[in-house]
Amino acid sequence: MSLVNVVNMVVLDNPTNFNNQFQFEISFECLQELSDDLEWKVVYVGSAEDPSKDQILEEVMVGPVPVGLNKFVLEADAPDPSGIVERDIIGVTVVLVTCSFKDQEFCRVGYYVNNEYRPAEGEEYDPEAGPPSPLDLNKISRQILADKPRVTRFNIDWGLNESVAEDSVNHQSAESLEYMTSGDTGPVQGDMDIDGNCNEDRLEQISYEHSDIKASTPSVLPPTTSCKTFSDEHTDNPFIIEDDEIMT
């Protein structure tokens, strides 16, 4: 039994410029008092072929978590373009939002991200030739396919028996993600043609090949992080997660 369930995630400020922050409004339900904080990460996949190009955009500890429905806005800086091969900046990639308890990841939400070059008015631009180099990031539009998140849950040890298995993280399975719907979110501006821009099977694989990401000690919420917390607030746009893939 999971003691924490993500019930809704809304992408804010979308579409936007490549340089702007990522913003996710996350609603989750806590069923029982937790013995530790929750760790949230935002990970940007910089290259489908090279996990070393992944960038952890934000990593925070949220807690203590009250029992009931909680909501907060998780903000993360844009990826550092110097860490991405220029040809990989334009096109379709993935951003991941993960949540862990005592170093055990139990929820992962993946979104497709499309970065498109938008030439200035009157600028001569040949789409087949691609954008000029070096790229002007102010002319790159970033759009998250917010209405088609892919949600995966993992069974972990919540310490209900006052013990946490040492190898619980290592036994998390890596299987195919399932499409999830996030309710009636309305049309997405400039809706991406996924079939025309990427190999969907490859993007499914990306989410799992890029799952063992380590970073420095995260900051703690509250008080000084990029998150804002709210409690006992209801949402009109719940995640539908009864059909998602549950890993053991």
Protein backbone atom coordinates (compact mmCIF):
# COMPACT_ATOMS: atom_id res chain seq x y z
CA MET A 1 0.00 0.00 0.00
CA SER A 2 1.31 3.41 -0.93
CA LEU A 3 1.10 6.03 1.78
CA VAL A 4 1.45 8.87 -0.73
CA ASN A 5 -0.50 9.14 -3.98
CA VAL A 6 0.00 11.86 -6.58
CA VAL A 7 -3.53 12.80 -7.60
CA ASN A 8 -2.89 15.70 -9.96
CA MET A 9 -0.10 17.53 -11.73
CA VAL A 10 -0.64 20.71 -13.74
CA VAL A 11 2.02 22.25 -15.98
CA LEU A 12 2.04 26.03 -15.57
CA ASP A 13 3.34 28.67 -17.98
CA ASN A 14 3.13 26.38 -20.99
CA PRO A 15 4.18 26.91 -23.74
CA THR A 16 6.98 29.31 -22.90
CA ASN A 17 10.50 30.35 -23.84
CA PHE A 18 13.33 27.83 -23.48
CA ASN A 19 15.03 30.03 -20.87
CA ASN A 20 12.03 30.22 -18.55
CA GLN A 21 11.51 28.07 -15.47
CA PHE A 22 9.58 24.82 -15.40
CA GLN A 23 6.55 25.03 -13.11
CA PHE A 24 4.52 22.06 -11.91
CA GLU A 25 1.54 22.37 -9.58
CA ILE A 26 1.50 19.04 -7.76
CA SER A 27 -1.35 17.69 -5.64
CA PHE A 28 -0.78 14.59 -3.56
CA GLU A 29 -2.57 12.70 -0.84
CA CYS A 30 -0.83 11.50 2.30
CA LEU A 31 -2.70 8.66 4.02
CA GLN A 32 -0.58 8.34 7.15
CA GLU A 33 2.02 10.27 9.09
CA LEU A 34 5.43 9.78 7.49
CA SER A 35 8.67 9.17 9.35
CA ASP A 36 10.68 11.21 6.84
CA ASP A 37 10.36 13.93 4.22
CA LEU A 38 9.56 13.40 0.54
CA GLU A 39 12.24 14.07 -2.05
CA TRP A 40 11.12 15.62 -5.35
CA LYS A 41 13.27 15.95 -8.46
CA VAL A 42 12.89 17.54 -11.87
CA VAL A 43 15.15 15.90 -14.45
CA TYR A 44 15.70 17.11 -18.02
CA VAL A 45 16.86 14.51 -20.52
CA GLY A 46 19.51 16.27 -22.60
CA SER A 47 20.19 13.35 -24.93
CA ALA A 48 18.30 10.17 -25.73
CA GLU A 49 21.57 8.31 -26.24
CA ASP A 50 23.72 9.69 -23.42
CA PRO A 51 22.43 9.62 -19.82
CA SER A 52 25.42 11.72 -18.75
CA LYS A 53 23.70 14.66 -20.45
CA ASP A 54 20.78 14.47 -18.01
CA GLN A 55 20.40 17.54 -15.83
CA ILE A 56 18.76 17.65 -12.41
CA LEU A 57 17.01 21.00 -12.58
CA GLU A 58 15.65 20.93 -9.04
CA GLU A 59 15.89 18.64 -6.03
CA VAL A 60 14.04 19.46 -2.81
CA MET A 61 12.91 17.77 0.38
CA VAL A 62 9.28 18.47 1.28
CA GLY A 63 8.17 17.96 4.85
CA PRO A 64 6.97 17.38 7.39
CA VAL A 65 4.00 16.26 5.30
CA PRO A 66 0.57 16.59 6.94
CA VAL A 67 -1.97 13.81 6.54
CA GLY A 68 -4.57 14.68 3.90
CA LEU A 69 -4.49 16.46 0.57
CA ASN A 70 -1.48 18.69 -0.07
CA LYS A 71 -0.54 20.92 -2.97
CA PHE A 72 2.61 22.84 -3.88
CA VAL A 73 4.23 24.46 -6.90
CA LEU A 74 7.58 22.96 -7.86
CA GLU A 75 9.73 25.37 -9.86
CA ALA A 76 12.94 24.44 -11.64
CA ASP A 77 15.39 26.47 -13.68
CA ALA A 78 15.74 25.83 -17.40
CA PRO A 79 18.48 23.38 -18.41
CA ASP A 80 22.00 24.67 -18.96
CA PRO A 81 22.37 24.75 -22.76
CA SER A 82 26.15 24.36 -22.48
CA GLY A 83 25.54 20.84 -21.18
CA ILE A 84 23.47 19.84 -24.23
CA VAL A 85 24.78 19.13 -27.70
CA GLU A 86 23.40 21.92 -29.88
CA ARG A 87 21.64 19.55 -32.27
CA ASP A 88 19.76 18.03 -29.30
CA ILE A 89 18.40 21.35 -28.05
CA ILE A 90 15.87 21.52 -30.89
CA GLY A 91 13.28 18.75 -31.14
CA VAL A 92 11.51 16.40 -28.78
CA THR A 93 12.85 15.19 -25.44
CA VAL A 94 11.53 14.29 -21.98
CA VAL A 95 11.25 15.97 -18.59
CA LEU A 96 10.74 13.79 -15.52
CA VAL A 97 9.22 14.64 -12.15
CA THR A 98 10.03 12.00 -9.54
CA CYS A 99 9.20 11.52 -5.88
CA SER A 100 11.10 9.35 -3.40
CA PHE A 101 10.81 8.33 0.23
CA LYS A 102 14.01 7.36 2.05
CA ASP A 103 15.90 7.06 -1.25
CA GLN A 104 13.17 4.85 -2.74
CA GLU A 105 11.49 6.25 -5.83
CA PHE A 106 7.77 5.50 -5.77
CA CYS A 107 6.33 7.80 -8.43
CA ARG A 108 7.62 9.09 -11.76
CA VAL A 109 5.76 11.39 -14.14
CA GLY A 110 7.21 11.87 -17.60
CA TYR A 111 6.26 14.52 -20.15
CA TYR A 112 7.27 14.99 -23.74
CA VAL A 113 8.92 18.36 -24.37
CA ASN A 114 9.15 19.97 -27.80
CA ASN A 115 11.70 22.74 -28.39
CA GLU A 116 11.03 24.63 -31.60
CA TYR A 117 12.93 27.46 -33.25
CA ARG A 118 10.70 30.49 -33.83
CA PRO A 119 12.34 32.96 -36.22
CA ALA A 120 11.77 36.66 -35.74
CA GLU A 121 9.25 38.37 -37.96
CA GLY A 122 10.82 38.95 -41.36
CA GLU A 123 13.75 36.63 -40.67
CA GLU A 124 14.63 34.26 -43.49
CA TYR A 125 14.52 30.71 -42.19
CA ASP A 126 14.67 27.36 -43.95
CA PRO A 127 13.20 24.64 -41.67
CA GLU A 128 14.94 21.92 -43.67
CA ALA A 129 18.33 23.54 -43.16
CA GLY A 130 17.63 24.10 -39.49
CA PRO A 131 18.20 27.15 -37.29
CA PRO A 132 21.36 29.22 -37.57
CA SER A 133 24.33 28.41 -35.36
CA PRO A 134 24.97 29.41 -32.65
CA LEU A 135 21.38 29.08 -31.48
CA ASP A 136 19.59 32.13 -30.17
CA LEU A 137 17.80 30.64 -27.16
CA ASN A 138 15.45 33.61 -27.02
CA LYS A 139 13.93 32.32 -30.26
CA ILE A 140 13.32 28.79 -28.98
CA SER A 141 9.82 27.96 -27.79
CA ARG A 142 9.42 25.15 -25.26
CA GLN A 143 6.15 23.26 -25.10
CA ILE A 144 5.32 20.41 -22.73
CA LEU A 145 2.68 17.95 -23.90
CA ALA A 146 0.83 18.48 -20.65
CA ASP A 147 -2.31 16.51 -21.41
CA LYS A 148 -0.48 13.20 -21.93
CA PRO A 149 1.71 12.51 -18.91
CA ARG A 150 3.15 9.04 -18.43
CA VAL A 151 2.85 7.93 -14.83
CA THR A 152 4.69 5.01 -13.25
CA ARG A 153 4.43 3.91 -9.64
CA PHE A 154 6.81 1.66 -7.72
CA ASN A 155 6.05 -0.49 -4.71
CA ILE A 156 8.44 0.47 -1.92
CA ASP A 157 8.91 -0.18 1.78
CA TRP A 158 7.18 2.61 3.68
CA GLY A 159 8.48 1.33 7.00
CA LEU A 160 5.10 0.05 8.15
CA ASN A 161 6.95 -2.78 9.89
CA GLU A 162 9.56 -0.33 11.20
CA SER A 163 12.14 -1.61 8.74
CA VAL A 164 13.27 -0.48 5.31
CA ALA A 165 14.76 -3.05 2.95
CA GLU A 166 18.31 -2.10 2.01
CA ASP A 167 17.96 -3.21 -1.58
CA SER A 168 14.44 -1.96 -2.25
CA VAL A 169 15.63 0.60 -4.78
CA ASN A 170 17.69 -1.96 -6.69
CA HIS A 171 14.66 -4.19 -7.18
CA GLN A 172 12.49 -1.56 -8.81
CA SER A 173 11.51 -3.01 -12.17
CA ALA A 174 12.00 -1.16 -15.43
CA GLU A 175 9.11 -1.90 -17.76
CA SER A 176 7.01 0.07 -20.25
CA LEU A 177 5.29 3.25 -19.13
CA GLU A 178 1.56 3.52 -19.70
CA TYR A 179 -0.22 6.57 -21.06
CA MET A 180 -2.23 8.37 -18.43
CA THR A 181 -4.85 11.06 -18.83
CA SER A 182 -4.96 14.04 -16.55
CA GLY A 183 -8.60 14.93 -16.99
CA ASP A 184 -10.13 17.51 -19.30
CA THR A 185 -7.33 20.02 -19.56
CA GLY A 186 -8.55 21.60 -22.79
CA PRO A 187 -6.53 22.06 -25.95
CA VAL A 188 -2.79 22.57 -25.83
CA GLN A 189 -1.46 25.42 -27.93
CA GLY A 190 0.46 24.16 -30.92
CA ASP A 191 -0.22 20.54 -29.97
CA MET A 192 2.82 18.42 -30.84
CA ASP A 193 2.67 15.78 -33.52
CA ILE A 194 4.46 13.10 -31.54
CA ASP A 195 4.41 10.56 -34.36
CA GLY A 196 6.01 13.05 -36.68
CA ASN A 197 8.74 14.21 -34.35
CA CYS A 198 10.05 11.26 -32.39
CA ASN A 199 10.22 7.54 -31.91
CA GLU A 200 7.74 6.86 -29.12
CA ASP A 201 9.30 3.53 -28.13
CA ARG A 202 12.65 5.23 -27.74
CA LEU A 203 11.17 7.88 -25.47
CA GLU A 204 9.62 5.18 -23.30
CA GLN A 205 13.08 3.70 -22.95
CA ILE A 206 14.59 7.09 -22.09
CA SER A 207 12.55 7.36 -18.91
CA TYR A 208 14.03 4.15 -17.57
CA GLU A 209 17.58 4.45 -18.82
CA HIS A 210 17.74 7.81 -17.06
CA SER A 211 16.28 6.69 -13.72
CA ASP A 212 19.39 6.16 -11.58
CA ILE A 213 20.34 9.82 -11.27
CA LYS A 214 22.35 11.00 -8.30
CA ALA A 215 23.01 14.53 -7.14
CA SER A 216 24.21 16.58 -4.23
CA THR A 217 22.21 16.84 -1.02
CA PRO A 218 18.86 18.46 -1.83
CA SER A 219 17.57 21.57 -0.18
CA VAL A 220 14.85 21.27 2.44
CA LEU A 221 11.37 22.76 2.40
CA PRO A 222 10.51 24.94 4.25
CA PRO A 223 11.71 27.68 4.24
CA THR A 224 14.11 28.48 1.37
CA THR A 225 13.25 26.53 -1.77
CA SER A 226 11.40 27.11 -5.00
CA CYS A 227 8.30 25.35 -3.67
CA LYS A 228 5.18 26.76 -2.11
CA THR A 229 3.00 24.47 0.02
CA PHE A 230 -0.72 24.42 0.60
CA SER A 231 -2.85 21.94 2.51
CA ASP A 232 -6.44 20.70 2.24
CA GLU A 233 -7.07 22.25 -1.16
CA HIS A 234 -9.06 20.38 -3.79
CA THR A 235 -8.43 20.22 -7.50
CA ASP A 236 -10.83 20.28 -10.43
CA ASN A 237 -8.43 18.38 -12.66
CA PRO A 238 -7.45 15.07 -11.00
CA PHE A 239 -4.97 12.60 -12.39
CA ILE A 240 -6.58 9.34 -13.40
CA ILE A 241 -4.10 6.81 -12.11
CA GLU A 242 -6.01 3.60 -11.60
CA ASP A 243 -4.62 2.12 -14.84
CA ASP A 244 -0.99 3.09 -14.53
CA GLU A 245 1.87 0.62 -14.39
CA ILE A 246 2.75 -0.47 -10.87
CA MET A 247 6.27 -1.81 -10.43
CA THR A 248 7.38 -4.22 -7.72
